[in-house]
C-alpha atoms as a PDB file:
ATOM      1  CA  MET A   1     172.259-117.454   4.890  1.00  0.00           C
ATOM      2  CA  ALA A   2     174.138-120.994   5.459  1.00  0.00           C
ATOM      3  CA  ASP A   3     172.742-124.018   6.040  1.00  0.00           C
ATOM      4  CA  ASP A   4     173.563-124.426   9.888  1.00  0.00           C
ATOM      5  CA  GLU A   5     171.725-120.907   9.968  1.00  0.00           C
ATOM      6  CA  LEU A   6     169.250-121.603   7.991  1.00  0.00           C
ATOM      7  CA  SER A   7     168.053-125.155   9.375  1.00  0.00           C
ATOM      8  CA  PRO A   8     167.206-123.696  12.959  1.00  0.00           C
ATOM      9  CA  LYS A   9     165.375-121.122  11.665  1.00  0.00           C
ATOM     10  CA  LEU A  10     162.930-123.306   9.491  1.00  0.00           C
ATOM     11  CA  GLU A  11     162.879-125.352  12.525  1.00  0.00           C
ATOM     12  CA  ALA A  12     161.482-122.992  14.451  1.00  0.00           C
ATOM     13  CA  PHE A  13     159.086-121.483  11.985  1.00  0.00           C
ATOM     14  CA  ILE A  14     157.542-125.007  11.110  1.00  0.00           C
ATOM     15  CA  ALA A  15     157.252-125.478  14.637  1.00  0.00           C
ATOM     16  CA  ARG A  16     155.362-122.031  15.163  1.00  0.00           C
ATOM     17  CA  GLU A  17     153.362-122.606  11.950  1.00  0.00           C
ATOM     18  CA  SER A  18     151.823-126.329  12.618  1.00  0.00           C
ATOM     19  CA  GLY A  19     152.017-126.348  16.374  1.00  0.00           C
ATOM     20  CA  ALA A  20     154.354-129.201  16.414  1.00  0.00           C
ATOM     21  CA  ARG A  21     156.248-129.852  19.889  1.00  0.00           C
ATOM     22  CA  GLU A  22     159.070-130.284  17.683  1.00  0.00           C
ATOM     23  CA  VAL A  23     160.747-130.415  14.248  1.00  0.00           C
ATOM     24  CA  ARG A  24     163.683-131.467  12.890  1.00  0.00           C
ATOM     25  CA  VAL A  25     165.199-130.313   9.430  1.00  0.00           C
ATOM     26  CA  SER A  26     167.495-132.805   7.618  1.00  0.00           C
ATOM     27  CA  ALA A  27     168.414-133.469   3.741  1.00  0.00           C
ATOM     28  CA  LEU A  28     168.991-129.195   3.514  1.00  0.00           C
ATOM     29  CA  ARG A  29     169.928-128.825  -0.162  1.00  0.00           C
ATOM     30  CA  ARG A  30     170.067-125.514  -2.187  1.00  0.00           C
ATOM     31  CA  LEU A  31     168.742-126.663  -6.055  1.00  0.00           C
ATOM     32  CA  THR A  32     170.409-125.526  -8.759  1.00  0.00           C
ATOM     33  CA  GLY A  33     168.277-122.890 -11.293  1.00  0.00           C
ATOM     34  CA  GLY A  34     165.971-119.810 -10.218  1.00  0.00           C
ATOM     35  CA  ALA A  35     167.704-116.053 -10.933  1.00  0.00           C
ATOM     36  CA  SER A  36     165.306-114.557  -9.046  1.00  0.00           C
ATOM     37  CA  ARG A  37     164.779-117.123  -6.337  1.00  0.00           C
ATOM     38  CA  GLU A  38     166.772-119.313  -3.914  1.00  0.00           C
ATOM     39  CA  THR A  39     165.121-122.859  -4.203  1.00  0.00           C
ATOM     40  CA  TRP A  40     165.961-125.463  -1.309  1.00  0.00           C
ATOM     41  CA  SER A  41     164.751-128.874  -0.817  1.00  0.00           C
ATOM     42  CA  LEU A  42     164.424-130.492   2.707  1.00  0.00           C
ATOM     43  CA  ASP A  43     162.435-132.901   4.716  1.00  0.00           C
ATOM     44  CA  ALA A  44     161.058-131.749   8.055  1.00  0.00           C
ATOM     45  CA  ALA A  45     160.060-134.074  10.762  1.00  0.00           C
ATOM     46  CA  LEU A  46     157.395-133.260  13.292  1.00  0.00           C
ATOM     47  CA  THR A  47     156.415-134.507  16.454  1.00  0.00           C
ATOM     48  CA  HIS A  48     153.045-133.391  17.495  1.00  0.00           C
ATOM     49  CA  ALA A  49     151.421-132.613  20.946  1.00  0.00           C
ATOM     50  CA  ASP A  50     149.793-135.981  20.864  1.00  0.00           C
ATOM     51  CA  GLY A  51     153.206-137.755  20.023  1.00  0.00           C
ATOM     52  CA  ARG A  52     151.957-138.440  16.454  1.00  0.00           C
ATOM     53  CA  ALA A  53     155.174-138.526  13.829  1.00  0.00           C
ATOM     54  CA  GLU A  54     155.082-136.901  10.667  1.00  0.00           C
ATOM     55  CA  THR A  55     157.444-135.999   7.939  1.00  0.00           C
ATOM     56  CA  LEU A  56     156.927-133.613   5.281  1.00  0.00           C
ATOM     57  CA  PRO A  57     158.921-133.598   1.927  1.00  0.00           C
ATOM     58  CA  LEU A  58     159.336-129.724   1.198  1.00  0.00           C
ATOM     59  CA  ILE A  59     160.261-126.862  -1.429  1.00  0.00           C
ATOM     60  CA  LEU A  60     161.274-123.441  -0.021  1.00  0.00           C
ATOM     61  CA  GLN A  61     161.330-120.752  -2.214  1.00  0.00           C
ATOM     62  CA  ARG A  62     162.853-117.691  -1.213  1.00  0.00           C
ATOM     63  CA  ASP A  63     163.414-114.016  -2.835  1.00  0.00           C
ATOM     64  CA  VAL A  64     166.933-113.114  -4.479  1.00  0.00           C
ATOM     65  CA  ARG A  65     167.280-109.960  -2.741  1.00  0.00           C
ATOM     66  CA  GLY A  66     166.764-107.094  -5.661  1.00  0.00           C
ATOM     67  CA  ALA A  67     165.150-109.548  -8.295  1.00  0.00           C
ATOM     68  CA  PRO A  68     162.300-108.168  -9.910  1.00  0.00           C
ATOM     69  CA  LYS A  69     158.982-109.740  -9.173  1.00  0.00           C
ATOM     70  CA  THR A  70     155.150-109.434  -9.801  1.00  0.00           C
ATOM     71  CA  LEU A  71     153.590-111.075  -7.517  1.00  0.00           C
ATOM     72  CA  SER A  72     154.299-111.160  -3.643  1.00  0.00           C
ATOM     73  CA  ARG A  73     155.077-114.369  -2.330  1.00  0.00           C
ATOM     74  CA  ALA A  74     152.005-114.173  -0.216  1.00  0.00           C
ATOM     75  CA  ASP A  75     149.840-113.551  -3.331  1.00  0.00           C
ATOM     76  CA  GLU A  76     151.938-116.564  -5.553  1.00  0.00           C
ATOM     77  CA  CYS A  77     151.052-118.706  -2.284  1.00  0.00           C
ATOM     78  CA  ARG A  78     147.485-118.124  -2.422  1.00  0.00           C
ATOM     79  CA  LEU A  79     147.491-118.471  -6.001  1.00  0.00           C
ATOM     80  CA  MET A  80     148.924-121.425  -6.313  1.00  0.00           C
ATOM     81  CA  ARG A  81     146.508-122.786  -3.308  1.00  0.00           C
ATOM     82  CA  ALA A  82     143.515-121.934  -5.825  1.00  0.00           C
ATOM     83  CA  ALA A  83     145.244-123.757  -8.904  1.00  0.00           C
ATOM     84  CA  PHE A  84     145.579-127.042  -6.623  1.00  0.00           C
ATOM     85  CA  ASP A  85     142.184-126.669  -5.366  1.00  0.00           C
ATOM     86  CA  ALA A  86     140.861-126.373  -8.825  1.00  0.00           C
ATOM     87  CA  GLY A  87     142.323-129.586 -10.030  1.00  0.00           C
ATOM     88  CA  VAL A  88     145.353-127.974 -12.054  1.00  0.00           C
ATOM     89  CA  PRO A  89     148.681-129.872 -11.215  1.00  0.00           C
ATOM     90  CA  ALA A  90     150.406-127.097  -9.126  1.00  0.00           C
ATOM     91  CA  PRO A  91     152.404-127.428  -6.152  1.00  0.00           C
ATOM     92  CA  GLU A  92     150.623-127.959  -3.006  1.00  0.00           C
ATOM     93  CA  PRO A  93     151.539-124.863  -0.588  1.00  0.00           C
ATOM     94  CA  LEU A  94     151.716-125.652   2.812  1.00  0.00           C
ATOM     95  CA  PHE A  95     153.132-122.939   4.987  1.00  0.00           C
ATOM     96  CA  MET A  96     153.596-118.802   3.757  1.00  0.00           C
ATOM     97  CA  GLY A  97     156.649-117.397   5.517  1.00  0.00           C
ATOM     98  CA  ASP A  98     157.071-114.978   7.636  1.00  0.00           C
ATOM     99  CA  ASP A  99     159.827-112.106   8.132  1.00  0.00           C
ATOM    100  CA  SER A 100     162.231-115.003  10.065  1.00  0.00           C
ATOM    101  CA  LEU A 101     164.428-115.467   6.987  1.00  0.00           C
ATOM    102  CA  GLY A 102     165.660-112.158   5.831  1.00  0.00           C
ATOM    103  CA  GLY A 103     163.172-112.270   2.883  1.00  0.00           C
ATOM    104  CA  GLU A 104     159.991-113.551   1.569  1.00  0.00           C
ATOM    105  CA  PHE A 105     159.402-117.160   1.203  1.00  0.00           C
ATOM    106  CA  PHE A 106     156.792-120.071   0.964  1.00  0.00           C
ATOM    107  CA  LEU A 107     157.181-123.874   1.681  1.00  0.00           C
ATOM    108  CA  VAL A 108     155.506-126.677  -0.667  1.00  0.00           C
ATOM    109  CA  ARG A 109     155.019-130.086  -0.750  1.00  0.00           C
ATOM    110  CA  ARG A 110     158.050-131.403  -2.963  1.00  0.00           C
ATOM    111  CA  ILE A 111     157.092-133.909  -5.608  1.00  0.00           C
ATOM    112  CA  ASP A 112     159.873-135.859  -6.901  1.00  0.00           C
ATOM    113  CA  GLY A 113     160.515-135.408 -10.745  1.00  0.00           C
ATOM    114  CA  GLU A 114     162.754-133.867 -13.073  1.00  0.00           C
ATOM    115  CA  THR A 115     163.019-130.258 -14.698  1.00  0.00           C
ATOM    116  CA  LEU A 116     166.022-130.121 -16.631  1.00  0.00           C
ATOM    117  CA  PRO A 117     164.478-129.423 -20.635  1.00  0.00           C
ATOM    118  CA  ARG A 118     167.788-131.421 -22.255  1.00  0.00           C
ATOM    119  CA  ARG A 119     166.936-134.319 -20.418  1.00  0.00           C
ATOM    120  CA  LEU A 120     163.383-134.571 -21.438  1.00  0.00           C
ATOM    121  CA  LEU A 121     164.530-133.806 -25.196  1.00  0.00           C
ATOM    122  CA  ARG A 122     167.482-135.988 -25.338  1.00  0.00           C
ATOM    123  CA  GLU A 123     167.178-138.888 -22.599  1.00  0.00           C
ATOM    124  CA  ASP A 124     165.464-142.143 -23.559  1.00  0.00           C
ATOM    125  CA  VAL A 125     163.866-143.036 -20.307  1.00  0.00           C
ATOM    126  CA  TYR A 126     161.746-139.885 -21.078  1.00  0.00           C
ATOM    127  CA  ALA A 127     160.647-140.962 -24.677  1.00  0.00           C
ATOM    128  CA  ASP A 128     157.013-141.633 -23.369  1.00  0.00           C
ATOM    129  CA  ALA A 129     157.009-138.197 -21.543  1.00  0.00           C
ATOM    130  CA  ARG A 130     158.030-136.438 -24.809  1.00  0.00           C
ATOM    131  CA  ARG A 131     154.647-138.345 -26.521  1.00  0.00           C
ATOM    132  CA  ALA A 132     152.392-137.313 -24.113  1.00  0.00           C
ATOM    133  CA  MET A 133     153.405-134.178 -22.338  1.00  0.00           C
ATOM    134  CA  PRO A 134     152.232-131.795 -25.618  1.00  0.00           C
ATOM    135  CA  ALA A 135     148.276-132.563 -25.160  1.00  0.00           C
ATOM    136  CA  GLN A 136     149.172-133.277 -21.031  1.00  0.00           C
ATOM    137  CA  LEU A 137     150.362-129.384 -21.421  1.00  0.00           C
ATOM    138  CA  GLY A 138     146.968-128.505 -23.679  1.00  0.00           C
ATOM    139  CA  ARG A 139     144.688-129.917 -20.616  1.00  0.00           C
ATOM    140  CA  ALA A 140     146.582-128.537 -18.168  1.00  0.00           C
ATOM    141  CA  LEU A 141     146.695-125.065 -19.663  1.00  0.00           C
ATOM    142  CA  ALA A 142     142.638-125.231 -20.418  1.00  0.00           C
ATOM    143  CA  ALA A 143     142.412-125.966 -16.740  1.00  0.00           C
ATOM    144  CA  ILE A 144     144.368-123.009 -15.389  1.00  0.00           C
ATOM    145  CA  HIS A 145     142.287-121.113 -17.873  1.00  0.00           C
ATOM    146  CA  ALA A 146     138.873-122.437 -16.429  1.00  0.00           C
ATOM    147  CA  ILE A 147     139.391-120.710 -13.006  1.00  0.00           C
ATOM    148  CA  SER A 148     136.981-118.309 -12.117  1.00  0.00           C
ATOM    149  CA  LEU A 149     138.222-114.959 -11.697  1.00  0.00           C
ATOM    150  CA  ASP A 150     135.850-114.723  -8.610  1.00  0.00           C
ATOM    151  CA  THR A 151     138.356-117.104  -6.912  1.00  0.00           C
ATOM    152  CA  PRO A 152     139.471-115.213  -3.837  1.00  0.00           C
ATOM    153  CA  GLY A 153     142.907-116.734  -4.118  1.00  0.00           C
ATOM    154  CA  ILE A 154     143.568-114.824  -7.317  1.00  0.00           C
ATOM    155  CA  ALA A 155     142.265-111.408  -5.966  1.00  0.00           C
ATOM    156  CA  GLY A 156     145.886-109.896  -5.901  1.00  0.00           C
ATOM    157  CA  VAL A 157     146.869-111.091  -9.313  1.00  0.00           C
ATOM    158  CA  PRO A 158     147.517-108.055 -11.932  1.00  0.00           C
ATOM    159  CA  ALA A 159     145.283-107.253 -14.519  1.00  0.00           C
ATOM    160  CA  PRO A 160     145.102-104.982 -17.163  1.00  0.00           C
ATOM    161  CA  PRO A 161     142.909-101.770 -16.570  1.00  0.00           C
ATOM    162  CA  ASP A 162     139.151-101.864 -17.299  1.00  0.00           C
ATOM    163  CA  GLY A 163     138.574-101.411 -20.951  1.00  0.00           C
ATOM    164  CA  ALA A 164     142.384-102.057 -22.077  1.00  0.00           C
ATOM    165  CA  VAL A 165     142.676-104.278 -24.566  1.00  0.00           C
ATOM    166  CA  PRO A 166     145.384-107.001 -22.971  1.00  0.00           C
ATOM    167  CA  ALA A 167     147.404-107.094 -25.925  1.00  0.00           C
ATOM    168  CA  ALA A 168     147.574-103.691 -26.366  1.00  0.00           C
ATOM    169  CA  TYR A 169     148.469-103.108 -22.587  1.00  0.00           C
ATOM    170  CA  GLU A 170     151.112-106.224 -22.142  1.00  0.00           C
ATOM    171  CA  VAL A 171     153.185-104.832 -25.253  1.00  0.00           C
ATOM    172  CA  GLN A 172     152.962-100.953 -23.710  1.00  0.00           C
ATOM    173  CA  ARG A 173     154.129-102.540 -20.408  1.00  0.00           C
ATOM    174  CA  TYR A 174     157.176-104.109 -21.640  1.00  0.00           C
ATOM    175  CA  GLU A 175     157.876-101.212 -24.047  1.00  0.00           C
ATOM    176  CA  GLN A 176     158.274 -98.774 -20.870  1.00  0.00           C
ATOM    177  CA  ILE A 177     160.006-101.116 -18.880  1.00  0.00           C
ATOM    178  CA  PHE A 178     162.390-101.470 -21.788  1.00  0.00           C
ATOM    179  CA  ARG A 179     162.854 -97.750 -22.204  1.00  0.00           C
ATOM    180  CA  MET A 180     164.307 -97.434 -18.417  1.00  0.00           C
ATOM    181  CA  ILE A 181     166.000-100.442 -18.230  1.00  0.00           C
ATOM    182  CA  ALA A 182     168.098-100.776 -21.810  1.00  0.00           C
ATOM    183  CA  PRO A 183     171.729-100.116 -21.266  1.00  0.00           C
ATOM    184  CA  GLU A 184     172.439 -99.608 -24.917  1.00  0.00           C
ATOM    185  CA  PRO A 185     170.481 -99.606 -28.199  1.00  0.00           C
ATOM    186  CA  HIS A 186     168.492-102.809 -29.548  1.00  0.00           C
ATOM    187  CA  PRO A 187     167.257-102.033 -33.058  1.00  0.00           C
ATOM    188  CA  ALA A 188     166.161-105.496 -33.179  1.00  0.00           C
ATOM    189  CA  PHE A 189     163.461-104.753 -29.857  1.00  0.00           C
ATOM    190  CA  GLU A 190     162.543-100.996 -31.757  1.00  0.00           C
ATOM    191  CA  LEU A 191     161.330-103.145 -34.918  1.00  0.00           C
ATOM    192  CA  ALA A 192     159.291-105.947 -32.888  1.00  0.00           C
ATOM    193  CA  PHE A 193     157.760-102.941 -30.681  1.00  0.00           C
ATOM    194  CA  ARG A 194     157.185-100.800 -34.117  1.00  0.00           C
ATOM    195  CA  PHE A 195     155.615-104.287 -35.833  1.00  0.00           C
ATOM    196  CA  LEU A 196     153.307-105.415 -32.607  1.00  0.00           C
ATOM    197  CA  ASN A 197     152.133-101.720 -32.150  1.00  0.00           C
ATOM    198  CA  GLN A 198     151.156-100.692 -35.853  1.00  0.00           C
ATOM    199  CA  HIS A 199     150.435-104.140 -37.612  1.00  0.00           C
ATOM    200  CA  ALA A 200     149.768-107.185 -34.816  1.00  0.00           C
ATOM    201  CA  VAL A 201     147.671-105.480 -31.680  1.00  0.00           C
ATOM    202  CA  ALA A 202     144.741-104.934 -34.263  1.00  0.00           C
ATOM    203  CA  ARG A 203     144.885-108.754 -34.871  1.00  0.00           C
ATOM    204  CA  ALA A 204     144.889-109.512 -31.124  1.00  0.00           C
ATOM    205  CA  ALA A 205     142.376-106.891 -30.088  1.00  0.00           C
ATOM    206  CA  GLY A 206     139.115-108.814 -31.019  1.00  0.00           C
ATOM    207  CA  ALA A 207     140.179-111.143 -27.829  1.00  0.00           C
ATOM    208  CA  ALA A 208     137.024-110.518 -25.450  1.00  0.00           C
ATOM    209  CA  ARG A 209     137.736-112.980 -23.177  1.00  0.00           C
ATOM    210  CA  ARG A 210     139.684-112.539 -20.121  1.00  0.00           C
ATOM    211  CA  CYS A 211     141.328-115.011 -17.993  1.00  0.00           C
ATOM    212  CA  LEU A 212     143.897-116.131 -15.020  1.00  0.00           C
ATOM    213  CA  THR A 213     147.033-116.756 -17.206  1.00  0.00           C
ATOM    214  CA  HIS A 214     149.943-118.376 -15.758  1.00  0.00           C
ATOM    215  CA  GLY A 215     152.493-115.924 -17.332  1.00  0.00           C
ATOM    216  CA  ASP A 216     155.555-118.298 -17.691  1.00  0.00           C
ATOM    217  CA  TYR A 217     154.414-121.738 -19.339  1.00  0.00           C
ATOM    218  CA  ARG A 218     157.106-122.813 -20.789  1.00  0.00           C
ATOM    219  CA  ILE A 219     158.839-126.041 -20.391  1.00  0.00           C
ATOM    220  CA  GLY A 220     161.699-125.049 -17.996  1.00  0.00           C
ATOM    221  CA  ASN A 221     158.752-124.743 -15.412  1.00  0.00           C
ATOM    222  CA  MET A 222     157.383-128.027 -15.765  1.00  0.00           C
ATOM    223  CA  LEU A 223     158.244-131.123 -13.367  1.00  0.00           C
ATOM    224  CA  PHE A 224     157.997-134.318 -15.436  1.00  0.00           C
ATOM    225  CA  GLY A 225     158.545-137.652 -15.002  1.00  0.00           C
ATOM    226  CA  PRO A 226     158.978-140.962 -17.430  1.00  0.00           C
ATOM    227  CA  GLU A 227     155.246-140.647 -17.735  1.00  0.00           C
ATOM    228  CA  GLY A 228     155.193-137.088 -18.571  1.00  0.00           C
ATOM    229  CA  LEU A 229     153.731-134.168 -16.697  1.00  0.00           C
ATOM    230  CA  ARG A 230     153.675-134.119 -12.913  1.00  0.00           C
ATOM    231  CA  VAL A 231     153.977-130.430 -11.733  1.00  0.00           C
ATOM    232  CA  VAL A 232     153.353-127.070 -13.248  1.00  0.00           C
ATOM    233  CA  LEU A 233     155.761-124.542 -11.532  1.00  0.00           C
ATOM    234  CA  ASP A 234     156.915-120.922 -10.894  1.00  0.00           C
ATOM    235  CA  TRP A 235     153.422-118.776 -11.188  1.00  0.00           C
ATOM    236  CA  GLU A 236     155.237-115.574  -9.898  1.00  0.00           C
ATOM    237  CA  LEU A 237     154.244-113.810 -13.258  1.00  0.00           C
ATOM    238  CA  ALA A 238     150.672-115.074 -13.056  1.00  0.00           C
ATOM    239  CA  HIS A 239     148.241-112.375 -14.653  1.00  0.00           C
ATOM    240  CA  ILE A 240     145.081-111.668 -15.944  1.00  0.00           C
ATOM    241  CA  GLY A 241     144.942-111.375 -19.619  1.00  0.00           C
ATOM    242  CA  ASP A 242     144.211-113.383 -23.027  1.00  0.00           C
ATOM    243  CA  PRO A 243     144.530-117.004 -22.980  1.00  0.00           C
ATOM    244  CA  MET A 244     146.459-117.108 -26.135  1.00  0.00           C
ATOM    245  CA  GLU A 245     149.430-115.331 -24.561  1.00  0.00           C
ATOM    246  CA  ASP A 246     150.209-118.701 -22.853  1.00  0.00           C
ATOM    247  CA  MET A 247     149.988-120.805 -25.732  1.00  0.00           C
ATOM    248  CA  GLY A 248     152.191-118.263 -27.842  1.00  0.00           C
ATOM    249  CA  PHE A 249     154.471-118.182 -24.883  1.00  0.00           C
ATOM    250  CA  ILE A 250     155.569-121.983 -24.762  1.00  0.00           C
ATOM    251  CA  CYS A 251     156.384-121.818 -28.479  1.00  0.00           C
ATOM    252  CA  VAL A 252     158.787-118.987 -28.280  1.00  0.00           C
ATOM    253  CA  ARG A 253     162.022-120.301 -29.812  1.00  0.00           C
ATOM    254  CA  SER A 254     164.190-120.078 -26.376  1.00  0.00           C
ATOM    255  CA  TRP A 255     162.047-122.660 -24.676  1.00  0.00           C
ATOM    256  CA  ARG A 256     162.752-125.261 -27.160  1.00  0.00           C
ATOM    257  CA  PHE A 257     166.077-126.107 -25.958  1.00  0.00           C
ATOM    258  CA  GLY A 258     167.176-127.163 -29.416  1.00  0.00           C
ATOM    259  CA  GLY A 259     164.113-129.434 -29.941  1.00  0.00           C
ATOM    260  CA  PRO A 260     162.970-129.743 -33.803  1.00  0.00           C
ATOM    261  CA  LYS A 261     159.186-129.010 -32.511  1.00  0.00           C
ATOM    262  CA  PRO A 262     157.239-125.618 -31.820  1.00  0.00           C
ATOM    263  CA  VAL A 263     155.541-126.540 -28.805  1.00  0.00           C
ATOM    264  CA  GLY A 264     158.555-126.713 -26.160  1.00  0.00           C
ATOM    265  CA  GLY A 265     160.721-128.672 -28.332  1.00  0.00           C
ATOM    266  CA  ILE A 266     158.663-131.676 -27.963  1.00  0.00           C
ATOM    267  CA  GLY A 267     155.256-131.130 -29.833  1.00  0.00           C
ATOM    268  CA  ASP A 268     153.104-129.749 -32.689  1.00  0.00           C
ATOM    269  CA  ARG A 269     150.804-126.939 -32.460  1.00  0.00           C
ATOM    270  CA  GLU A 270     148.174-128.789 -33.643  1.00  0.00           C
ATOM    271  CA  GLU A 271     148.168-131.471 -30.955  1.00  0.00           C
ATOM    272  CA  PHE A 272     148.903-128.692 -28.401  1.00  0.00           C
ATOM    273  CA  PHE A 273     145.546-126.933 -29.451  1.00  0.00           C
ATOM    274  CA  ALA A 274     143.586-129.727 -30.057  1.00  0.00           C
ATOM    275  CA  ALA A 275     144.197-131.010 -26.545  1.00  0.00           C
ATOM    276  CA  TYR A 276     143.244-127.642 -25.022  1.00  0.00           C
ATOM    277  CA  GLU A 277     140.142-127.138 -26.773  1.00  0.00           C
ATOM    278  CA  THR A 278     139.042-130.811 -26.176  1.00  0.00           C
ATOM    279  CA  ALA A 279     139.743-130.298 -22.381  1.00  0.00           C
ATOM    280  CA  GLY A 280     137.477-127.369 -22.767  1.00  0.00           C
ATOM    281  CA  GLY A 281     139.932-124.690 -22.940  1.00  0.00           C
ATOM    282  CA  GLY A 282     137.878-123.061 -26.151  1.00  0.00           C
ATOM    283  CA  ALA A 283     138.738-122.528 -29.395  1.00  0.00           C
ATOM    284  CA  VAL A 284     142.338-121.577 -30.245  1.00  0.00           C
ATOM    285  CA  ASP A 285     142.756-118.662 -32.840  1.00  0.00           C
ATOM    286  CA  ALA A 286     146.009-119.449 -34.475  1.00  0.00           C
ATOM    287  CA  GLU A 287     146.691-115.448 -35.649  1.00  0.00           C
ATOM    288  CA  ARG A 288     146.665-114.523 -31.922  1.00  0.00           C
ATOM    289  CA  VAL A 289     148.810-117.277 -30.964  1.00  0.00           C
ATOM    290  CA  ARG A 290     151.105-115.968 -33.259  1.00  0.00           C
ATOM    291  CA  PHE A 291     150.965-112.531 -31.990  1.00  0.00           C
ATOM    292  CA  TRP A 292     151.614-113.667 -28.794  1.00  0.00           C
ATOM    293  CA  GLU A 293     154.523-115.332 -30.078  1.00  0.00           C
ATOM    294  CA  VAL A 294     156.370-112.571 -31.591  1.00  0.00           C
ATOM    295  CA  PHE A 295     155.555-111.071 -28.139  1.00  0.00           C
ATOM    296  CA  GLY A 296     156.790-113.665 -26.146  1.00  0.00           C
ATOM    297  CA  ASN A 297     160.018-113.661 -27.842  1.00  0.00           C
ATOM    298  CA  LEU A 298     160.560-110.079 -27.284  1.00  0.00           C
ATOM    299  CA  ARG A 299     159.176-110.398 -23.890  1.00  0.00           C
ATOM    300  CA  TRP A 300     161.690-112.745 -22.884  1.00  0.00           C
ATOM    301  CA  GLY A 301     164.542-110.343 -24.144  1.00  0.00           C
ATOM    302  CA  VAL A 302     162.964-107.269 -22.232  1.00  0.00           C
ATOM    303  CA  ILE A 303     163.082-109.963 -19.164  1.00  0.00           C
ATOM    304  CA  CYS A 304     166.842-110.831 -19.897  1.00  0.00           C
ATOM    305  CA  LEU A 305     167.857-106.812 -20.321  1.00  0.00           C
ATOM    306  CA  THR A 306     166.229-107.023 -16.493  1.00  0.00           C
ATOM    307  CA  GLN A 307     167.726-109.425 -14.972  1.00  0.00           C
ATOM    308  CA  ALA A 308     171.590-107.784 -16.583  1.00  0.00           C
ATOM    309  CA  HIS A 309     169.961-104.770 -14.997  1.00  0.00           C
ATOM    310  CA  VAL A 310     169.851-106.010 -11.390  1.00  0.00           C
ATOM    311  CA  TYR A 311     173.974-107.608 -11.842  1.00  0.00           C
ATOM    312  CA  LEU A 312     174.850-103.970 -13.192  1.00  0.00           C
ATOM    313  CA  ASP A 313     173.441-102.239 -10.724  1.00  0.00           C
ATOM    314  CA  GLY A 314     174.977-103.966  -8.110  1.00  0.00           C
ATOM    315  CA  HIS A 315     171.833-105.484  -6.251  1.00  0.00           C
ATOM    316  CA  SER A 316     173.066-108.898  -6.942  1.00  0.00           C
ATOM    317  CA  ASN A 317     176.679-110.641  -8.003  1.00  0.00           C
ATOM    318  CA  SER A 318     175.096-113.212  -9.528  1.00  0.00           C
ATOM    319  CA  VAL A 319     177.165-114.552 -12.516  1.00  0.00           C
ATOM    320  CA  GLU A 320     173.712-116.357 -13.735  1.00  0.00           C
ATOM    321  CA  LEU A 321     172.065-113.219 -13.969  1.00  0.00           C
ATOM    322  CA  ALA A 322     174.778-111.619 -15.958  1.00  0.00           C
ATOM    323  CA  ALA A 323     174.521-114.569 -18.463  1.00  0.00           C
ATOM    324  CA  ILE A 324     171.155-114.301 -18.560  1.00  0.00           C
ATOM    325  CA  GLY A 325     171.499-110.944 -19.839  1.00  0.00           C
ATOM    326  CA  ARG A 326     173.664-111.467 -22.992  1.00  0.00           C
ATOM    327  CA  ARG A 327     171.149-114.233 -24.179  1.00  0.00           C
ATOM    328  CA  THR A 328     169.275-110.901 -25.701  1.00  0.00           C
ATOM    329  CA  ALA A 329     171.054-111.877 -28.875  1.00  0.00           C
ATOM    330  CA  GLU A 330     169.210-115.119 -29.519  1.00  0.00           C
ATOM    331  CA  THR A 331     166.022-113.041 -28.991  1.00  0.00           C
ATOM    332  CA  GLU A 332     166.796-110.575 -31.540  1.00  0.00           C
ATOM    333  CA  TRP A 333     167.882-113.053 -34.078  1.00  0.00           C
ATOM    334  CA  GLU A 334     164.633-114.760 -33.508  1.00  0.00           C
ATOM    335  CA  LEU A 335     162.466-111.598 -33.840  1.00  0.00           C
ATOM    336  CA  LEU A 336     164.045-110.521 -37.126  1.00  0.00           C
ATOM    337  CA  SER A 337     163.027-113.692 -38.579  1.00  0.00           C
ATOM    338  CA  LEU A 338     159.210-113.486 -37.018  1.00  0.00           C
ATOM    339  CA  VAL A 339     158.542-109.672 -38.293  1.00  0.00           C
ATOM    340  CA  ASP A 340     159.923-110.249 -41.745  1.00  0.00           C
ATOM    341  CA  SER A 341     158.032-113.641 -42.289  1.00  0.00           C
END
């Protein structure tokens, strides 16, 4: 949908949802990044029935047709509202979409900041952020894991069946996905699945606690400024599971972006773990975190294949999806190293 088509549709939608007498959209521009959805920045100037004027800085997120997803946009919107209300640095949802834009969408309040990890790792302006963020990430994750599972806003979040061990359930789930969509043999993935099923699952099976997990907790999904973390983004892969899963995923090598340290390229595990525990996240089990780090590398490799599958099947002509598919080689190399260590 072109800009000149999108603006009037957004104006009509926001007017309906807000009850405003008039809405004018300006500064509409598509942001880079995001293979499974479109992201747009815009300002909406509202004139209310009583004459009051209000300008809302907004972010629009809209599904890409055919892209895989775990949560519906409605469930994701409700989840972000629950997290925001619980004091988590999450986006503030303002409007849940309808069918007026040809796909599921929502609008959240825009917070200014940067999301490109390579800038965080390399630019002098973010030197303080690099020092502060490992502890900030630990505290934010503790706040996410503390959200009660009885909170109405997370009712639509996927969860393992009653009695299932989250570790075993997730390994089996991604193995099924791999078997369905892999276009060619991947021996390193086969070795990793065997390793997890035969050895590592037993070490993770002792985890009794289940909590809300973000599911995609990594540096690329953080909005930051010179002072550090501002907002945790992209909640579409959230689910109920083992709290150590998020802690292992942020240590996946692909999320270090060439940085020297294991936590997003900027932090040591010990500092990250300590901040999580001090913020009330509970005791960190390093062995379980290692299990989830192995799984996280494998999971990202399978996700790379699913993105390529969308492209190869003709559901999308996005070159980004095709390029992501080629990144399976990175995860295979890392898995060989982790399984052998």
